[in-house]
Amino acid sequence: MKEQLHTEYGERVLEPRRDPMHELISTILSGRTTHADEEAAYFSLRELGDWDAIIDAPVADVAHAIRRSNYPETKAPRIQAALKQIREHSGSYDLDFLRDLPVKDALKWLTDLPGVGIKTASLLLLFNYARPVFPVDTHVHRINTRVGTIPRMGEQAAHRALLALLPPNPPFLFELHKNLLRHGQQVCQWTRPKCGKCVLQERCDAYATYGGRVPSFSEK
């Protein structure tokens, strides 16, 4: 799969796209939200001040600042609680200690933060610290289920199942994640996937079953 996606979309070099705290908070904001709205919400949030100021701000002000993100009333208190927990851990907002923790411990520390699930934790560890984890977002999950790499299962279980099948090679994992994301956005979409132009067509279980009429992913 990686080879076909590499040929179609090219090499993706593993390097941080933003600093660790930006990555963490933006990924919390990203749930059910477009990338453009996620970025707008993040920069609006930062207009409240530094992380200490955001902790101290009224939760209603934080929710208003991130209103471009869906469910701001839920995300605002979680972001404030996560920031408090980070500050209490080390007296700062430096996450670089995650570089040296065993991967299992780093994942646990992150997922113990309010609002942080396995996808957010894996993104941060892979993108910023080149740790051998594999983030499974909706695109990665959908494509691998349709192709038949994994059986139908929840995203939490899919993280474990896919990582067990892949080499513990961060550059490999990063490129595969990024190219699966692009393929899911452009070709293997939630509804009406463009199977006629799919480079994975010959190995896809869903295509073998349905031909060019693969159902929406929510359908059985």
Protein backbone atom coordinates (compact mmCIF):
# COMPACT_ATOMS: atom_id res chain seq x y z
CA MET A 1 0.00 0.00 0.00
CA LYS A 2 2.73 2.47 0.93
CA GLU A 3 4.46 2.02 -2.43
CA GLN A 4 1.31 2.73 -4.45
CA LEU A 5 0.52 5.80 -2.37
CA HIS A 6 4.13 6.98 -2.61
CA THR A 7 3.98 6.73 -6.41
CA GLU A 8 0.68 8.62 -6.47
CA TYR A 9 1.37 11.35 -3.90
CA GLY A 10 5.13 11.43 -3.48
CA GLU A 11 7.52 11.44 -0.55
CA ARG A 12 6.52 13.11 2.71
CA VAL A 13 9.44 14.15 4.87
CA LEU A 14 9.05 13.77 8.62
CA GLU A 15 9.50 17.19 10.19
CA PRO A 16 7.36 19.11 12.70
CA ARG A 17 4.70 21.30 11.11
CA ARG A 18 4.27 23.39 14.28
CA ASP A 19 5.62 23.51 17.83
CA PRO A 20 4.44 20.81 20.29
CA MET A 21 1.96 22.93 22.24
CA HIS A 22 0.47 24.29 19.03
CA GLU A 23 0.16 20.73 17.73
CA LEU A 24 -1.49 19.54 20.93
CA ILE A 25 -4.04 22.32 21.32
CA SER A 26 -4.85 22.51 17.61
CA THR A 27 -5.48 18.78 17.48
CA ILE A 28 -7.88 19.07 20.42
CA LEU A 29 -9.64 21.82 18.47
CA SER A 30 -9.73 19.76 15.27
CA GLY A 31 -12.49 17.35 16.31
CA ARG A 32 -15.41 17.59 13.85
CA THR A 33 -13.82 20.79 12.51
CA THR A 34 -12.23 21.78 9.20
CA HIS A 35 -8.54 22.59 9.12
CA ALA A 36 -9.26 26.23 8.29
CA ASP A 37 -11.62 26.60 11.27
CA GLU A 38 -9.20 24.74 13.55
CA GLU A 39 -6.40 27.17 12.68
CA ALA A 40 -8.70 30.19 13.06
CA ALA A 41 -9.82 28.95 16.48
CA TYR A 42 -6.23 28.37 17.61
CA PHE A 43 -5.01 31.85 16.69
CA SER A 44 -8.11 33.44 18.18
CA LEU A 45 -7.42 31.53 21.40
CA ARG A 46 -3.84 32.81 21.48
CA GLU A 47 -5.16 36.37 21.33
CA LEU A 48 -6.24 35.86 24.96
CA GLY A 49 -2.57 35.81 25.94
CA ASP A 50 -0.02 33.21 26.98
CA TRP A 51 -1.00 29.78 28.29
CA ASP A 52 -1.22 31.09 31.88
CA ALA A 53 -3.63 33.78 30.75
CA ILE A 54 -5.77 31.22 28.94
CA ILE A 55 -5.97 29.11 32.10
CA ASP A 56 -7.07 32.15 34.10
CA ALA A 57 -9.57 33.45 31.55
CA PRO A 58 -13.29 32.88 32.13
CA VAL A 59 -14.32 29.68 30.40
CA ALA A 60 -16.93 31.61 28.43
CA ASP A 61 -14.17 33.80 26.96
CA VAL A 62 -12.19 30.72 25.95
CA ALA A 63 -15.27 29.18 24.36
CA HIS A 64 -15.96 32.40 22.47
CA ALA A 65 -12.36 32.55 21.26
CA ILE A 66 -12.55 29.02 19.81
CA ARG A 67 -16.07 29.37 18.43
CA ARG A 68 -14.88 28.51 14.90
CA SER A 69 -14.24 25.01 16.25
CA ASN A 70 -17.27 22.78 16.74
CA TYR A 71 -18.40 22.16 20.33
CA PRO A 72 -16.45 25.09 21.83
CA GLU A 73 -18.36 24.88 25.14
CA THR A 74 -17.02 21.34 25.60
CA LYS A 75 -13.51 21.97 24.31
CA ALA A 76 -12.86 25.18 26.27
CA PRO A 77 -12.86 23.68 29.81
CA ARG A 78 -10.92 20.66 28.55
CA ILE A 79 -8.21 22.87 27.08
CA GLN A 80 -7.94 24.86 30.32
CA ALA A 81 -7.78 21.66 32.39
CA ALA A 82 -5.15 20.14 30.08
CA LEU A 83 -3.02 23.28 30.32
CA LYS A 84 -3.24 23.21 34.12
CA GLN A 85 -2.18 19.56 34.18
CA ILE A 86 0.80 20.23 31.91
CA ARG A 87 1.91 23.18 34.05
CA GLU A 88 1.54 21.18 37.26
CA HIS A 89 3.69 18.39 35.85
CA SER A 90 6.81 20.43 35.11
CA GLY A 91 6.13 24.04 35.99
CA SER A 92 6.12 25.00 32.32
CA TYR A 93 4.61 24.08 28.98
CA ASP A 94 7.69 22.30 27.64
CA LEU A 95 6.70 18.87 26.32
CA ASP A 96 10.18 17.78 25.25
CA PHE A 97 10.37 15.22 28.06
CA LEU A 98 8.09 13.10 25.87
CA ARG A 99 11.03 12.52 23.54
CA ASP A 100 12.73 10.28 26.10
CA LEU A 101 9.80 8.52 27.78
CA PRO A 102 9.04 4.96 26.67
CA VAL A 103 6.37 5.20 23.98
CA LYS A 104 3.78 3.43 26.12
CA ASP A 105 4.37 5.87 28.99
CA ALA A 106 4.31 8.89 26.68
CA LEU A 107 0.98 7.80 25.21
CA LYS A 108 -0.47 7.26 28.68
CA TRP A 109 0.73 10.64 29.93
CA LEU A 110 -0.85 12.41 26.99
CA THR A 111 -4.12 10.48 27.02
CA ASP A 112 -4.48 11.25 30.72
CA LEU A 113 -4.87 14.91 29.74
CA PRO A 114 -8.49 16.12 29.43
CA GLY A 115 -9.66 16.11 25.83
CA VAL A 116 -6.68 14.12 24.52
CA GLY A 117 -7.36 10.76 22.89
CA ILE A 118 -5.11 8.24 21.24
CA LYS A 119 -5.21 10.03 17.86
CA THR A 120 -4.09 13.37 19.31
CA ALA A 121 -1.38 11.71 21.39
CA SER A 122 -0.09 9.71 18.43
CA LEU A 123 -0.02 12.75 16.15
CA LEU A 124 2.03 14.75 18.62
CA LEU A 125 4.49 11.93 19.31
CA LEU A 126 5.03 11.08 15.64
CA PHE A 127 5.01 14.57 14.14
CA ASN A 128 7.03 16.38 16.81
CA TYR A 129 9.21 13.70 18.35
CA ALA A 130 9.51 11.05 15.61
CA ARG A 131 8.25 8.31 17.91
CA PRO A 132 7.14 5.00 16.31
CA VAL A 133 3.37 5.41 16.61
CA PHE A 134 0.69 5.53 13.90
CA PRO A 135 -2.14 8.08 14.13
CA VAL A 136 -5.47 6.71 12.91
CA ASP A 137 -7.86 9.45 11.87
CA THR A 138 -11.15 8.87 10.04
CA HIS A 139 -9.43 8.68 6.63
CA VAL A 140 -6.78 6.17 7.72
CA HIS A 141 -9.43 4.09 9.47
CA ARG A 142 -11.86 4.13 6.54
CA ILE A 143 -9.31 3.22 3.86
CA ASN A 144 -7.74 0.37 5.81
CA THR A 145 -11.16 -1.07 6.63
CA ARG A 146 -12.34 -0.89 3.02
CA VAL A 147 -9.10 -2.30 1.64
CA GLY A 148 -9.21 -5.12 4.19
CA THR A 149 -6.01 -4.43 6.11
CA ILE A 150 -8.10 -4.63 9.28
CA PRO A 151 -11.64 -5.84 9.96
CA ARG A 152 -14.34 -3.35 10.93
CA MET A 153 -13.50 -2.05 14.41
CA GLY A 154 -13.46 1.19 16.37
CA GLU A 155 -10.70 3.76 15.89
CA GLN A 156 -9.20 3.00 19.32
CA ALA A 157 -8.75 -0.68 18.42
CA ALA A 158 -7.58 0.27 14.92
CA HIS A 159 -4.59 2.15 16.37
CA ARG A 160 -3.35 -1.03 18.04
CA ALA A 161 -4.19 -3.32 15.13
CA LEU A 162 -2.50 -1.22 12.45
CA LEU A 163 0.59 -0.44 14.51
CA ALA A 164 1.10 -4.17 15.07
CA LEU A 165 1.19 -4.66 11.27
CA LEU A 166 3.59 -1.81 10.47
CA PRO A 167 7.35 -1.42 10.90
CA PRO A 168 8.45 0.75 13.87
CA ASN A 169 9.97 3.24 11.46
CA PRO A 170 8.81 6.84 12.07
CA PRO A 171 9.55 8.21 8.55
CA PHE A 172 7.68 5.24 7.04
CA LEU A 173 4.74 5.73 9.41
CA PHE A 174 4.63 9.48 8.80
CA GLU A 175 4.57 9.18 5.01
CA LEU A 176 1.94 6.44 5.12
CA HIS A 177 -0.26 8.48 7.45
CA LYS A 178 0.01 11.65 5.35
CA ASN A 179 -0.60 9.89 2.04
CA LEU A 180 -3.56 7.94 3.43
CA LEU A 181 -4.99 11.25 4.66
CA ARG A 182 -4.66 12.78 1.21
CA HIS A 183 -6.10 9.68 -0.47
CA GLY A 184 -9.07 9.72 1.89
CA GLN A 185 -9.74 13.38 1.21
CA GLN A 186 -9.44 13.14 -2.57
CA VAL A 187 -10.42 9.58 -3.57
CA CYS A 188 -11.59 7.15 -0.86
CA GLN A 189 -14.18 9.51 0.55
CA TRP A 190 -16.86 8.74 3.13
CA THR A 191 -19.62 8.69 0.52
CA ARG A 192 -19.29 7.98 -3.19
CA PRO A 193 -15.61 6.99 -3.23
CA LYS A 194 -13.91 7.55 -6.59
CA CYS A 195 -12.99 3.91 -7.12
CA GLY A 196 -12.30 4.37 -10.84
CA LYS A 197 -9.21 6.47 -10.08
CA CYS A 198 -8.05 4.62 -6.95
CA VAL A 199 -4.48 3.29 -6.99
CA LEU A 200 -5.47 0.71 -4.36
CA GLN A 201 -8.34 -0.68 -6.43
CA GLU A 202 -6.70 -4.03 -7.24
CA ARG A 203 -6.11 -4.85 -3.56
CA CYS A 204 -9.35 -3.43 -2.17
CA ASP A 205 -11.84 -5.86 -0.61
CA ALA A 206 -14.68 -3.34 -0.86
CA TYR A 207 -14.07 -2.84 -4.58
CA ALA A 208 -13.91 -6.60 -5.12
CA THR A 209 -17.31 -6.91 -3.43
CA TYR A 210 -19.15 -3.87 -4.77
CA GLY A 211 -17.22 -2.79 -7.86
CA GLY A 212 -17.67 0.91 -8.51
CA ARG A 213 -20.63 1.09 -6.11
CA VAL A 214 -18.83 0.91 -2.77
CA PRO A 215 -21.35 2.14 -0.16
CA SER A 216 -20.85 4.96 2.29
CA PHE A 217 -18.55 3.88 5.10
CA SER A 218 -21.36 4.17 7.66
CA GLU A 219 -23.28 1.48 5.79
CA LYS A 220 -22.77 -2.20 6.58
